[in-house]
Amino acid sequence: MSNPKIVVKRIYDDVDDSDGKRVLVDRMWPRGVSKERAELDYWFKEVAPSADLRTWWGHDAERFQEFADRYEEELSAEDHVEQVDELIDLVHNHARVTLLYAAKDETVNHARVLQDYLRRHS
């Protein structure tokens, strides 16, 4: 697909027919969500930010740009290439991919960074 749609959505939001392929991009399973309710197609936990990076960031909005830069470096690192390539292939092969995350902030979160990264590399 020349212009695949990559959207982000909280895992706690209702499942919608327009979600396309539903991909959880958190390292840990979200609290209070059953596997049945999640209706996932894939779980790419390896593309989530490292524990060290998440701890450093602490969801501090003032650190978001530096977090985004560091996270993109992680995504480009050799140990992430296979997982990122699988996700890029998924984006290429489906009309819509919804990246699911559990963070409370709908604007300042790693899924938004991943969405931008995938758009540039797909």
Protein backbone atom coordinates (compact mmCIF):
# COMPACT_ATOMS: atom_id res chain seq x y z
CA MET A 1 0.00 0.00 0.00
CA SER A 2 1.42 3.37 -0.91
CA ASN A 3 -0.10 5.29 2.00
CA PRO A 4 -1.02 2.89 4.79
CA LYS A 5 -2.95 4.26 7.70
CA ILE A 6 -1.21 3.91 11.03
CA VAL A 7 -3.29 5.07 13.97
CA VAL A 8 -2.77 5.02 17.71
CA LYS A 9 -5.36 4.20 20.31
CA ARG A 10 -5.49 3.37 24.00
CA ILE A 11 -5.99 -0.32 24.67
CA TYR A 12 -8.78 0.69 27.07
CA ASP A 13 -10.84 2.24 24.26
CA ASP A 14 -13.57 0.18 22.63
CA VAL A 15 -12.66 -2.13 19.77
CA ASP A 16 -13.94 -0.80 16.45
CA ASP A 17 -14.33 -2.50 13.07
CA SER A 18 -12.24 0.30 11.53
CA ASP A 19 -9.20 -0.58 13.69
CA GLY A 20 -7.79 -2.92 11.07
CA LYS A 21 -4.95 -4.97 12.51
CA ARG A 22 -4.71 -4.34 16.25
CA VAL A 23 -1.14 -4.34 17.55
CA LEU A 24 -0.19 -3.91 21.20
CA VAL A 25 3.14 -2.05 21.40
CA ASP A 26 3.68 -2.10 25.18
CA ARG A 27 6.28 -4.30 26.83
CA MET A 28 3.94 -5.37 29.62
CA TRP A 29 0.35 -6.55 29.40
CA PRO A 30 -2.03 -3.68 30.30
CA ARG A 31 -3.64 -3.88 33.71
CA GLY A 32 -7.31 -4.79 33.78
CA VAL A 33 -7.60 -5.84 30.13
CA SER A 34 -8.44 -9.44 29.30
CA LYS A 35 -7.01 -11.03 26.18
CA GLU A 36 -10.55 -11.52 24.92
CA ARG A 37 -11.44 -7.85 25.40
CA ALA A 38 -8.19 -6.68 23.77
CA GLU A 39 -8.96 -8.55 20.52
CA LEU A 40 -5.32 -8.31 19.46
CA ASP A 41 -3.91 -9.49 16.20
CA TYR A 42 -0.30 -9.02 17.33
CA TRP A 43 1.77 -8.08 20.36
CA PHE A 44 5.09 -6.46 19.48
CA LYS A 45 6.47 -5.94 22.97
CA GLU A 46 10.05 -5.78 21.72
CA VAL A 47 9.40 -2.47 19.91
CA ALA A 48 8.43 -0.75 23.17
CA PRO A 49 11.02 1.55 24.75
CA SER A 50 13.58 -0.11 27.01
CA ALA A 51 12.97 -0.16 30.75
CA ASP A 52 15.93 2.18 31.27
CA LEU A 53 14.58 4.71 28.77
CA ARG A 54 11.07 4.58 30.24
CA THR A 55 12.46 5.08 33.74
CA TRP A 56 14.61 8.03 32.63
CA TRP A 57 11.67 9.66 30.84
CA GLY A 58 9.05 9.12 33.56
CA HIS A 59 6.35 10.43 31.18
CA ASP A 60 7.69 13.96 31.78
CA ALA A 61 6.27 16.10 28.95
CA GLU A 62 9.29 18.40 29.12
CA ARG A 63 11.57 15.46 28.28
CA PHE A 64 9.36 14.15 25.49
CA GLN A 65 11.45 15.35 22.54
CA GLU A 66 14.65 13.90 23.97
CA PHE A 67 12.76 10.72 24.83
CA ALA A 68 11.51 10.54 21.23
CA ASP A 69 15.04 10.96 19.87
CA ARG A 70 16.42 8.27 22.18
CA TYR A 71 13.52 5.93 21.45
CA GLU A 72 14.05 6.28 17.71
CA GLU A 73 17.72 5.41 18.25
CA GLU A 74 16.57 2.25 20.03
CA LEU A 75 14.20 1.41 17.18
CA SER A 76 17.08 1.75 14.70
CA ALA A 77 19.48 -0.36 16.79
CA GLU A 78 20.54 -3.73 15.46
CA ASP A 79 18.77 -5.68 18.20
CA HIS A 80 15.42 -4.12 17.21
CA VAL A 81 15.72 -4.35 13.43
CA GLU A 82 13.93 -7.69 13.06
CA GLN A 83 10.93 -6.64 15.17
CA VAL A 84 10.69 -3.21 13.51
CA ASP A 85 10.93 -4.81 10.05
CA GLU A 86 8.09 -7.18 10.95
CA LEU A 87 5.95 -4.23 11.99
CA ILE A 88 6.81 -2.32 8.81
CA ASP A 89 5.82 -5.38 6.76
CA LEU A 90 2.53 -5.52 8.63
CA VAL A 91 1.89 -1.86 7.80
CA HIS A 92 2.69 -2.50 4.12
CA ASN A 93 0.34 -5.47 3.92
CA HIS A 94 -2.76 -4.01 5.56
CA ALA A 95 -4.97 -1.02 4.87
CA ARG A 96 -4.97 0.04 8.51
CA VAL A 97 -2.88 -0.79 11.55
CA THR A 98 -3.83 0.41 15.03
CA LEU A 99 -0.98 0.71 17.52
CA LEU A 100 -2.36 0.08 21.00
CA TYR A 101 -0.81 1.43 24.20
CA ALA A 102 -1.81 1.70 27.86
CA ALA A 103 -0.40 5.11 28.88
CA LYS A 104 -2.90 7.65 30.21
CA ASP A 105 -1.59 10.57 28.16
CA GLU A 106 -3.02 10.36 24.65
CA THR A 107 -0.53 12.85 23.21
CA VAL A 108 2.74 12.29 25.04
CA ASN A 109 3.43 8.57 24.70
CA HIS A 110 5.74 6.16 22.91
CA ALA A 111 3.06 4.95 20.48
CA ARG A 112 2.96 8.44 18.90
CA VAL A 113 6.73 8.32 18.41
CA LEU A 114 6.46 4.83 16.93
CA GLN A 115 3.66 5.97 14.62
CA ASP A 116 5.83 8.81 13.26
CA TYR A 117 8.81 6.48 12.91
CA LEU A 118 6.77 3.91 10.97
CA ARG A 119 5.30 6.56 8.68
CA ARG A 120 8.80 7.71 7.78
CA HIS A 121 10.18 4.20 7.30
CA SER A 122 7.22 2.48 5.61
